[in-house]
Structures are given as structure tokens and as C-alpha cells.
Amino acid sequence: MARRTARTTGTAGGRGTTAVRAARRPELRLPPLTPFEDDGGLEPDGDYDALDFRETDLTGQDGAGARFMDCALTGCALDEASLPRARLLDTRLTGVRGVGTNLAEATLRDVELLDARLGGTQLHGAVLERVLIRGGKIDYLNLRRARLKDVVFESCVLVEPDFGGARLERVGFVDCALKQADLSAATLTDVDLRGAAPLELFRGVDRLSGAVISPAQLLDLAPVLAAELGVRVLAEG
């Protein structure tokens, strides 16, 4: 089971007046695991407790509504895997890869996703709580209308992630590349973007209330902010 700890950060803007509440990270203590026997693949609404999925090919399998508790998935293929409304609890995924994995309306709680290579992952309407996403690259991550609380993106590359209409609370970006992100209609509370480099917003710059950024990032975002406000910036003369 995971042990929860709280962490603190410095103050926003360097003024010492507004603290940024840091995300609580999962600290997994997995029990001894039993190798998963792939004698028919995943089952819808299946229960998977304390299992070791190692180099398992889950391509195209249907695990809708399944529950993964105290599991480890290492080097698994998740191409077109159908896992809507699945529950991943106290689980670590390492080196998983795949395109088009469907985790719509899933629940991820006390989960570590490490060194993943994913594309077009569907997490719209999902709930993520105490989740660490570290390393790897995720393209076109769909988190529309998802709820993220105590989530950390660390040392990873996110290309065109879609946070449209999502609610982000205590979410941190640490040494993370955030490229062409969509924040349209999103709600941000205690979101620390200072560790995002680059920080590129495709839409939703008006939703940055509730986030903290660095002075350098403010300068980088100046053209986008000016466009949002309808300010024309012309050279003198």
C-alpha cells in the first residue's frame, strides 16, 4: 500500500506572501507479486491483485471496468487496449508503450507511471490522485474534463496535452517539457508551472489564474498574453 507524505514549496513570486501547496507523491510499497498468467488476456470488470505483468502484450485487449490493485506492469504493450472506467490503485507502470490506449473515466490513485512511451492516450473524464508521471514521452494526451489532484509530471515530455475543461489541484511540473498545451476552460489551483521548460500554451492562457510561473516564463508568454488581451505590439518608429 502507498504511504502518503506532504511536501512544501517556496513562495510564489518570491514575495513570501502566497505559498504554493505542493503535490503529495505516491510512495509505493508493493507486496510480493505473482506473475500474471496470460491464459486469455484481460477480462472486463476483472480483479487483478498483487500481480506482475512483465513484457505482457495487452494490445487490443478489453479490460473495461477492471481493477488493478498492488500491481506492477513492466514493459507491457498497450496499443489500443480498452480500459475505460478501469481502476488502477497502488500500482506501478514502468516502460509501458502504446498508441490509442483507452482509459476514459478511469481512476488512478497512488500510481507511478515511469518512462512511458505513449501516444493518443485517452484519459478524458478520468480521476488522477497522488500520481507521479516521471520520464518518457507522451504525445496527444487527452485529459479533457479530467480531475487531477496531487499529480506530478517530472522529467518527461508532453506534446500537445489536452487539459480542456479539466480541474487541476496541486499539480506540479518538474524539469518537464510542456509543448502546445491546451488549457481552455480548465480550472487551476496551486499548479506550479515553474519547472516546465519549454512552457508552450496553444490555448487557454486566460486560465492561468491559480498557477505560478517564473519571470522568465512570463516573458516567453508575453506574445500569447498580448494576443489574448488584444494588445498590438509594434516596433517604435
C-alpha atoms as a PDB file:
ATOM      1  CA  MET A   1       0.000   0.000   0.000  1.00  0.00           C
ATOM      2  CA  ALA A   2       1.101   3.593  -0.534  1.00  0.00           C
ATOM      3  CA  ARG A   3       2.309   5.801   2.247  1.00  0.00           C
ATOM      4  CA  ARG A   4       1.323   9.429   1.821  1.00  0.00           C
ATOM      5  CA  THR A   5       3.551  12.317   2.713  1.00  0.00           C
ATOM      6  CA  ALA A   6       3.141  16.034   2.329  1.00  0.00           C
ATOM      7  CA  ARG A   7       5.757  18.309   0.852  1.00  0.00           C
ATOM      8  CA  THR A   8       6.099  22.050   0.904  1.00  0.00           C
ATOM      9  CA  THR A   9       7.483  24.516  -1.568  1.00  0.00           C
ATOM     10  CA  GLY A  10       8.720  28.056  -1.534  1.00  0.00           C
ATOM     11  CA  THR A  11       6.542  31.041  -2.049  1.00  0.00           C
ATOM     12  CA  ALA A  12       5.131  32.224  -5.332  1.00  0.00           C
ATOM     13  CA  GLY A  13       6.677  35.250  -6.951  1.00  0.00           C
ATOM     14  CA  GLY A  14       9.366  35.477  -4.289  1.00  0.00           C
ATOM     15  CA  ARG A  15       7.248  37.790  -2.114  1.00  0.00           C
ATOM     16  CA  GLY A  16       6.797  35.433   0.810  1.00  0.00           C
ATOM     17  CA  THR A  17       3.053  36.041   0.907  1.00  0.00           C
ATOM     18  CA  THR A  18       1.431  33.326  -1.203  1.00  0.00           C
ATOM     19  CA  ALA A  19       2.541  29.761  -0.594  1.00  0.00           C
ATOM     20  CA  VAL A  20       2.162  27.151  -3.287  1.00  0.00           C
ATOM     21  CA  ARG A  21       0.800  23.908  -1.910  1.00  0.00           C
ATOM     22  CA  ALA A  22       2.932  21.098  -3.300  1.00  0.00           C
ATOM     23  CA  ALA A  23       1.539  17.860  -4.662  1.00  0.00           C
ATOM     24  CA  ARG A  24       1.729  14.796  -2.444  1.00  0.00           C
ATOM     25  CA  ARG A  25       3.510  11.998  -4.223  1.00  0.00           C
ATOM     26  CA  PRO A  26       2.730   8.293  -4.001  1.00  0.00           C
ATOM     27  CA  GLU A  27       5.316   6.180  -2.199  1.00  0.00           C
ATOM     28  CA  LEU A  28       4.562   2.624  -3.183  1.00  0.00           C
ATOM     29  CA  ARG A  29       5.380  -0.414  -1.119  1.00  0.00           C
ATOM     30  CA  LEU A  30       4.354  -3.269  -3.365  1.00  0.00           C
ATOM     31  CA  PRO A  31       3.834  -6.693  -1.766  1.00  0.00           C
ATOM     32  CA  PRO A  32       5.374  -9.865  -3.205  1.00  0.00           C
ATOM     33  CA  LEU A  33       3.887 -10.265  -6.661  1.00  0.00           C
ATOM     34  CA  THR A  34       2.615 -13.283  -8.549  1.00  0.00           C
ATOM     35  CA  PRO A  35       3.423 -13.490 -12.287  1.00  0.00           C
ATOM     36  CA  PHE A  36       0.388 -12.832 -14.443  1.00  0.00           C
ATOM     37  CA  GLU A  37      -0.579 -15.904 -16.445  1.00  0.00           C
ATOM     38  CA  ASP A  38      -1.736 -14.773 -19.856  1.00  0.00           C
ATOM     39  CA  ASP A  39      -4.191 -17.601 -20.472  1.00  0.00           C
ATOM     40  CA  GLY A  40      -6.842 -15.497 -22.123  1.00  0.00           C
ATOM     41  CA  GLY A  41      -5.863 -11.914 -21.543  1.00  0.00           C
ATOM     42  CA  LEU A  42      -7.739  -9.310 -19.615  1.00  0.00           C
ATOM     43  CA  GLU A  43     -11.421  -9.560 -18.802  1.00  0.00           C
ATOM     44  CA  PRO A  44     -13.971  -6.762 -18.475  1.00  0.00           C
ATOM     45  CA  ASP A  45     -14.586  -5.983 -14.788  1.00  0.00           C
ATOM     46  CA  GLY A  46     -11.765  -8.337 -13.858  1.00  0.00           C
ATOM     47  CA  ASP A  47      -9.944  -8.139 -10.500  1.00  0.00           C
ATOM     48  CA  TYR A  48      -6.143  -8.206 -10.599  1.00  0.00           C
ATOM     49  CA  ASP A  49      -4.468  -8.148  -7.182  1.00  0.00           C
ATOM     50  CA  ALA A  50      -0.708  -8.216  -6.485  1.00  0.00           C
ATOM     51  CA  LEU A  51       0.180  -9.393  -9.993  1.00  0.00           C
ATOM     52  CA  ASP A  52       3.352  -8.860 -12.014  1.00  0.00           C
ATOM     53  CA  PHE A  53       2.623  -8.090 -15.673  1.00  0.00           C
ATOM     54  CA  ARG A  54       6.076  -8.359 -17.261  1.00  0.00           C
ATOM     55  CA  GLU A  55       6.538  -7.775 -21.004  1.00  0.00           C
ATOM     56  CA  THR A  56       2.882  -8.694 -21.419  1.00  0.00           C
ATOM     57  CA  ASP A  57       1.254  -7.896 -24.750  1.00  0.00           C
ATOM     58  CA  LEU A  58      -2.097  -6.304 -23.916  1.00  0.00           C
ATOM     59  CA  THR A  59      -2.647  -4.964 -27.434  1.00  0.00           C
ATOM     60  CA  GLY A  60      -6.327  -4.573 -28.213  1.00  0.00           C
ATOM     61  CA  GLN A  61      -7.479  -6.352 -25.067  1.00  0.00           C
ATOM     62  CA  ASP A  62     -10.716  -5.446 -23.309  1.00  0.00           C
ATOM     63  CA  GLY A  63     -10.364  -4.696 -19.610  1.00  0.00           C
ATOM     64  CA  ALA A  64     -13.204  -2.217 -19.271  1.00  0.00           C
ATOM     65  CA  GLY A  65     -14.028  -1.622 -15.627  1.00  0.00           C
ATOM     66  CA  ALA A  66     -11.177  -3.840 -14.414  1.00  0.00           C
ATOM     67  CA  ARG A  67      -9.442  -3.228 -11.077  1.00  0.00           C
ATOM     68  CA  PHE A  68      -5.661  -3.381 -10.690  1.00  0.00           C
ATOM     69  CA  MET A  69      -4.559  -3.338  -7.037  1.00  0.00           C
ATOM     70  CA  ASP A  70      -0.922  -3.526  -5.875  1.00  0.00           C
ATOM     71  CA  CYS A  71       0.220  -4.500  -9.373  1.00  0.00           C
ATOM     72  CA  ALA A  72       3.327  -3.868 -11.467  1.00  0.00           C
ATOM     73  CA  LEU A  73       3.194  -3.527 -15.249  1.00  0.00           C
ATOM     74  CA  THR A  74       6.694  -3.556 -16.764  1.00  0.00           C
ATOM     75  CA  GLY A  75       7.481  -3.256 -20.462  1.00  0.00           C
ATOM     76  CA  CYS A  76       3.900  -4.009 -21.468  1.00  0.00           C
ATOM     77  CA  ALA A  77       2.379  -3.176 -24.860  1.00  0.00           C
ATOM     78  CA  LEU A  78      -0.854  -1.197 -24.505  1.00  0.00           C
ATOM     79  CA  ASP A  79      -1.687  -0.400 -28.131  1.00  0.00           C
ATOM     80  CA  GLU A  80      -5.446   0.096 -28.489  1.00  0.00           C
ATOM     81  CA  ALA A  81      -6.010  -1.529 -25.087  1.00  0.00           C
ATOM     82  CA  SER A  82      -9.576  -0.824 -23.944  1.00  0.00           C
ATOM     83  CA  LEU A  83      -9.603   0.073 -20.250  1.00  0.00           C
ATOM     84  CA  PRO A  84     -12.404   2.607 -19.794  1.00  0.00           C
ATOM     85  CA  ARG A  85     -13.560   3.036 -16.182  1.00  0.00           C
ATOM     86  CA  ALA A  86     -10.665   0.860 -15.007  1.00  0.00           C
ATOM     87  CA  ARG A  87      -9.251   1.418 -11.506  1.00  0.00           C
ATOM     88  CA  LEU A  88      -5.501   1.445 -11.007  1.00  0.00           C
ATOM     89  CA  LEU A  89      -4.719   1.566  -7.299  1.00  0.00           C
ATOM     90  CA  ASP A  90      -1.289   1.398  -5.611  1.00  0.00           C
ATOM     91  CA  THR A  91       0.192   0.308  -8.935  1.00  0.00           C
ATOM     92  CA  ARG A  92       3.441   0.993 -10.808  1.00  0.00           C
ATOM     93  CA  LEU A  93       3.735   1.052 -14.601  1.00  0.00           C
ATOM     94  CA  THR A  94       7.303   1.065 -15.951  1.00  0.00           C
ATOM     95  CA  GLY A  95       8.347   1.320 -19.582  1.00  0.00           C
ATOM     96  CA  VAL A  96       4.868   0.724 -20.944  1.00  0.00           C
ATOM     97  CA  ARG A  97       4.277   1.693 -24.557  1.00  0.00           C
ATOM     98  CA  GLY A  98       1.375   2.007 -26.896  1.00  0.00           C
ATOM     99  CA  VAL A  99      -0.839   4.131 -29.112  1.00  0.00           C
ATOM    100  CA  GLY A 100      -4.522   4.728 -28.567  1.00  0.00           C
ATOM    101  CA  THR A 101      -4.836   3.287 -25.063  1.00  0.00           C
ATOM    102  CA  ASN A 102      -8.354   3.982 -23.787  1.00  0.00           C
ATOM    103  CA  LEU A 103      -8.510   4.880 -20.088  1.00  0.00           C
ATOM    104  CA  ALA A 104     -11.512   7.180 -20.337  1.00  0.00           C
ATOM    105  CA  GLU A 105     -13.213   7.790 -16.968  1.00  0.00           C
ATOM    106  CA  ALA A 106     -10.608   5.613 -15.253  1.00  0.00           C
ATOM    107  CA  THR A 107      -9.409   6.122 -11.677  1.00  0.00           C
ATOM    108  CA  LEU A 108      -5.686   6.295 -10.971  1.00  0.00           C
ATOM    109  CA  ARG A 109      -4.849   6.581  -7.274  1.00  0.00           C
ATOM    110  CA  ASP A 110      -1.364   6.178  -5.775  1.00  0.00           C
ATOM    111  CA  VAL A 111       0.094   5.313  -9.170  1.00  0.00           C
ATOM    112  CA  GLU A 112       3.574   5.708 -10.665  1.00  0.00           C
ATOM    113  CA  LEU A 113       3.932   5.878 -14.456  1.00  0.00           C
ATOM    114  CA  LEU A 114       7.640   5.703 -15.256  1.00  0.00           C
ATOM    115  CA  ASP A 115       9.480   6.017 -18.588  1.00  0.00           C
ATOM    116  CA  ALA A 116       6.350   5.519 -20.664  1.00  0.00           C
ATOM    117  CA  ARG A 117       6.184   5.950 -24.439  1.00  0.00           C
ATOM    118  CA  LEU A 118       2.544   6.607 -25.206  1.00  0.00           C
ATOM    119  CA  GLY A 119       0.571   8.336 -27.923  1.00  0.00           C
ATOM    120  CA  GLY A 120      -3.063   9.364 -28.082  1.00  0.00           C
ATOM    121  CA  THR A 121      -3.860   8.043 -24.614  1.00  0.00           C
ATOM    122  CA  GLN A 122      -7.482   8.720 -23.692  1.00  0.00           C
ATOM    123  CA  LEU A 123      -7.940   9.829 -20.087  1.00  0.00           C
ATOM    124  CA  HIS A 124     -10.869  12.172 -20.590  1.00  0.00           C
ATOM    125  CA  GLY A 125     -13.177  12.261 -17.599  1.00  0.00           C
ATOM    126  CA  ALA A 126     -10.624  10.338 -15.527  1.00  0.00           C
ATOM    127  CA  VAL A 127      -9.693  10.926 -11.888  1.00  0.00           C
ATOM    128  CA  LEU A 128      -5.987  11.077 -11.013  1.00  0.00           C
ATOM    129  CA  GLU A 129      -4.990  11.385  -7.367  1.00  0.00           C
ATOM    130  CA  ARG A 130      -1.470  11.055  -5.989  1.00  0.00           C
ATOM    131  CA  VAL A 131       0.036  10.160  -9.346  1.00  0.00           C
ATOM    132  CA  LEU A 132       3.660  10.522 -10.436  1.00  0.00           C
ATOM    133  CA  ILE A 133       4.432  10.597 -14.165  1.00  0.00           C
ATOM    134  CA  ARG A 134       8.211  10.533 -14.499  1.00  0.00           C
ATOM    135  CA  GLY A 135      10.406  10.170 -17.561  1.00  0.00           C
ATOM    136  CA  GLY A 136       9.400   9.138 -21.056  1.00  0.00           C
ATOM    137  CA  LYS A 137       7.301  10.904 -23.651  1.00  0.00           C
ATOM    138  CA  ILE A 138       3.539  11.131 -24.051  1.00  0.00           C
ATOM    139  CA  ASP A 139       2.055  12.575 -27.243  1.00  0.00           C
ATOM    140  CA  TYR A 140      -1.504  13.920 -27.538  1.00  0.00           C
ATOM    141  CA  LEU A 141      -2.593  13.030 -24.014  1.00  0.00           C
ATOM    142  CA  ASN A 142      -6.334  13.597 -23.687  1.00  0.00           C
ATOM    143  CA  LEU A 143      -7.250  14.780 -20.191  1.00  0.00           C
ATOM    144  CA  ARG A 144     -10.351  16.744 -21.113  1.00  0.00           C
ATOM    145  CA  ARG A 145     -12.734  17.165 -18.160  1.00  0.00           C
ATOM    146  CA  ALA A 146     -10.437  15.045 -16.012  1.00  0.00           C
ATOM    147  CA  ARG A 147      -9.764  15.762 -12.319  1.00  0.00           C
ATOM    148  CA  LEU A 148      -6.141  15.866 -11.241  1.00  0.00           C
ATOM    149  CA  LYS A 149      -5.208  16.238  -7.591  1.00  0.00           C
ATOM    150  CA  ASP A 150      -1.691  15.749  -6.232  1.00  0.00           C
ATOM    151  CA  VAL A 151      -0.181  14.920  -9.615  1.00  0.00           C
ATOM    152  CA  VAL A 152       3.474  15.461 -10.576  1.00  0.00           C
ATOM    153  CA  PHE A 153       4.886  15.449 -14.101  1.00  0.00           C
ATOM    154  CA  GLU A 154       8.653  15.041 -13.762  1.00  0.00           C
ATOM    155  CA  SER A 155      11.446  14.803 -16.338  1.00  0.00           C
ATOM    156  CA  CYS A 156       9.013  13.888 -19.096  1.00  0.00           C
ATOM    157  CA  VAL A 157       7.956  15.345 -22.440  1.00  0.00           C
ATOM    158  CA  LEU A 158       4.287  16.151 -23.041  1.00  0.00           C
ATOM    159  CA  VAL A 159       3.433  17.005 -26.633  1.00  0.00           C
ATOM    160  CA  GLU A 160       0.076  18.709 -27.204  1.00  0.00           C
ATOM    161  CA  PRO A 161      -1.603  17.560 -23.986  1.00  0.00           C
ATOM    162  CA  ASP A 162      -5.276  18.491 -23.793  1.00  0.00           C
ATOM    163  CA  PHE A 163      -6.428  19.723 -20.380  1.00  0.00           C
ATOM    164  CA  GLY A 164      -9.594  21.307 -21.762  1.00  0.00           C
ATOM    165  CA  GLY A 165     -12.239  21.649 -19.057  1.00  0.00           C
ATOM    166  CA  ALA A 166     -10.084  19.741 -16.562  1.00  0.00           C
ATOM    167  CA  ARG A 167      -9.680  20.590 -12.865  1.00  0.00           C
ATOM    168  CA  LEU A 168      -6.088  20.662 -11.651  1.00  0.00           C
ATOM    169  CA  GLU A 169      -5.308  20.989  -7.953  1.00  0.00           C
ATOM    170  CA  ARG A 170      -1.819  20.701  -6.501  1.00  0.00           C
ATOM    171  CA  VAL A 171      -0.242  19.725  -9.816  1.00  0.00           C
ATOM    172  CA  GLY A 172       3.475  20.216 -10.389  1.00  0.00           C
ATOM    173  CA  PHE A 173       5.708  20.198 -13.451  1.00  0.00           C
ATOM    174  CA  VAL A 174       9.358  19.421 -12.623  1.00  0.00           C
ATOM    175  CA  ASP A 175      12.004  19.524 -15.382  1.00  0.00           C
ATOM    176  CA  CYS A 176       9.169  18.756 -17.767  1.00  0.00           C
ATOM    177  CA  ALA A 177       8.680  19.868 -21.378  1.00  0.00           C
ATOM    178  CA  LEU A 178       5.136  21.114 -21.962  1.00  0.00           C
ATOM    179  CA  LYS A 179       4.611  21.665 -25.668  1.00  0.00           C
ATOM    180  CA  GLN A 180       1.494  23.268 -27.152  1.00  0.00           C
ATOM    181  CA  ALA A 181      -0.745  22.505 -24.185  1.00  0.00           C
ATOM    182  CA  ASP A 182      -4.463  23.247 -24.315  1.00  0.00           C
ATOM    183  CA  LEU A 183      -5.842  24.722 -21.064  1.00  0.00           C
ATOM    184  CA  SER A 184      -9.100  26.004 -22.482  1.00  0.00           C
ATOM    185  CA  ALA A 185     -11.882  26.083 -19.844  1.00  0.00           C
ATOM    186  CA  ALA A 186      -9.559  24.419 -17.308  1.00  0.00           C
ATOM    187  CA  THR A 187      -9.570  25.320 -13.599  1.00  0.00           C
ATOM    188  CA  LEU A 188      -6.171  25.553 -11.912  1.00  0.00           C
ATOM    189  CA  THR A 189      -5.479  25.631  -8.168  1.00  0.00           C
ATOM    190  CA  ASP A 190      -1.931  25.507  -6.796  1.00  0.00           C
ATOM    191  CA  VAL A 191      -0.491  24.473 -10.149  1.00  0.00           C
ATOM    192  CA  ASP A 192       3.281  25.004 -10.277  1.00  0.00           C
ATOM    193  CA  LEU A 193       4.477  25.503 -13.835  1.00  0.00           C
ATOM    194  CA  ARG A 194       7.880  26.926 -12.946  1.00  0.00           C
ATOM    195  CA  GLY A 195       9.653  23.669 -13.756  1.00  0.00           C
ATOM    196  CA  ALA A 196       8.182  23.424 -17.262  1.00  0.00           C
ATOM    197  CA  ALA A 197      10.752  24.166 -19.960  1.00  0.00           C
ATOM    198  CA  PRO A 198       9.602  24.922 -22.506  1.00  0.00           C
ATOM    199  CA  LEU A 199       6.179  26.131 -21.399  1.00  0.00           C
ATOM    200  CA  GLU A 200       4.103  26.432 -24.555  1.00  0.00           C
ATOM    201  CA  LEU A 201       0.370  27.089 -24.489  1.00  0.00           C
ATOM    202  CA  PHE A 202      -1.717  26.552 -27.590  1.00  0.00           C
ATOM    203  CA  ARG A 203      -4.952  27.695 -25.961  1.00  0.00           C
ATOM    204  CA  GLY A 204      -6.139  28.732 -22.524  1.00  0.00           C
ATOM    205  CA  VAL A 205      -3.598  31.324 -21.441  1.00  0.00           C
ATOM    206  CA  ASP A 206      -6.549  33.080 -19.797  1.00  0.00           C
ATOM    207  CA  ARG A 207      -6.899  30.082 -17.443  1.00  0.00           C
ATOM    208  CA  LEU A 208      -3.535  30.589 -15.736  1.00  0.00           C
ATOM    209  CA  SER A 209      -5.143  32.111 -12.653  1.00  0.00           C
ATOM    210  CA  GLY A 210      -4.325  29.686  -9.863  1.00  0.00           C
ATOM    211  CA  ALA A 211      -0.962  28.771 -11.374  1.00  0.00           C
ATOM    212  CA  VAL A 212       2.526  30.086 -10.683  1.00  0.00           C
ATOM    213  CA  ILE A 213       5.147  30.730 -13.348  1.00  0.00           C
ATOM    214  CA  SER A 214       8.649  32.153 -13.305  1.00  0.00           C
ATOM    215  CA  PRO A 215       9.618  35.673 -14.502  1.00  0.00           C
ATOM    216  CA  ALA A 216      11.391  34.118 -17.500  1.00  0.00           C
ATOM    217  CA  GLN A 217       8.264  32.177 -18.432  1.00  0.00           C
ATOM    218  CA  LEU A 218       6.234  35.371 -18.179  1.00  0.00           C
ATOM    219  CA  LEU A 219       8.495  36.958 -20.778  1.00  0.00           C
ATOM    220  CA  ASP A 220       8.167  33.915 -23.039  1.00  0.00           C
ATOM    221  CA  LEU A 221       4.376  34.040 -22.738  1.00  0.00           C
ATOM    222  CA  ALA A 222       4.179  37.775 -23.340  1.00  0.00           C
ATOM    223  CA  PRO A 223       3.214  37.484 -27.043  1.00  0.00           C
ATOM    224  CA  VAL A 224       0.456  34.981 -26.218  1.00  0.00           C
ATOM    225  CA  LEU A 225      -0.809  37.156 -23.360  1.00  0.00           C
ATOM    226  CA  ALA A 226      -0.769  40.247 -25.577  1.00  0.00           C
ATOM    227  CA  ALA A 227      -2.775  38.432 -28.240  1.00  0.00           C
ATOM    228  CA  GLU A 228      -5.287  37.245 -25.636  1.00  0.00           C
ATOM    229  CA  LEU A 229      -5.746  40.823 -24.391  1.00  0.00           C
ATOM    230  CA  GLY A 230      -5.926  42.242 -27.907  1.00  0.00           C
ATOM    231  CA  VAL A 231      -2.789  44.312 -27.399  1.00  0.00           C
ATOM    232  CA  ARG A 232      -0.841  45.159 -30.543  1.00  0.00           C
ATOM    233  CA  VAL A 233       2.907  45.285 -30.043  1.00  0.00           C
ATOM    234  CA  LEU A 234       4.677  47.413 -32.665  1.00  0.00           C
ATOM    235  CA  ALA A 235       8.275  48.483 -33.005  1.00  0.00           C
ATOM    236  CA  GLU A 236       8.955  52.154 -32.432  1.00  0.00           C
ATOM    237  CA  GLY A 237       9.213  54.474 -35.374  1.00  0.00           C
END
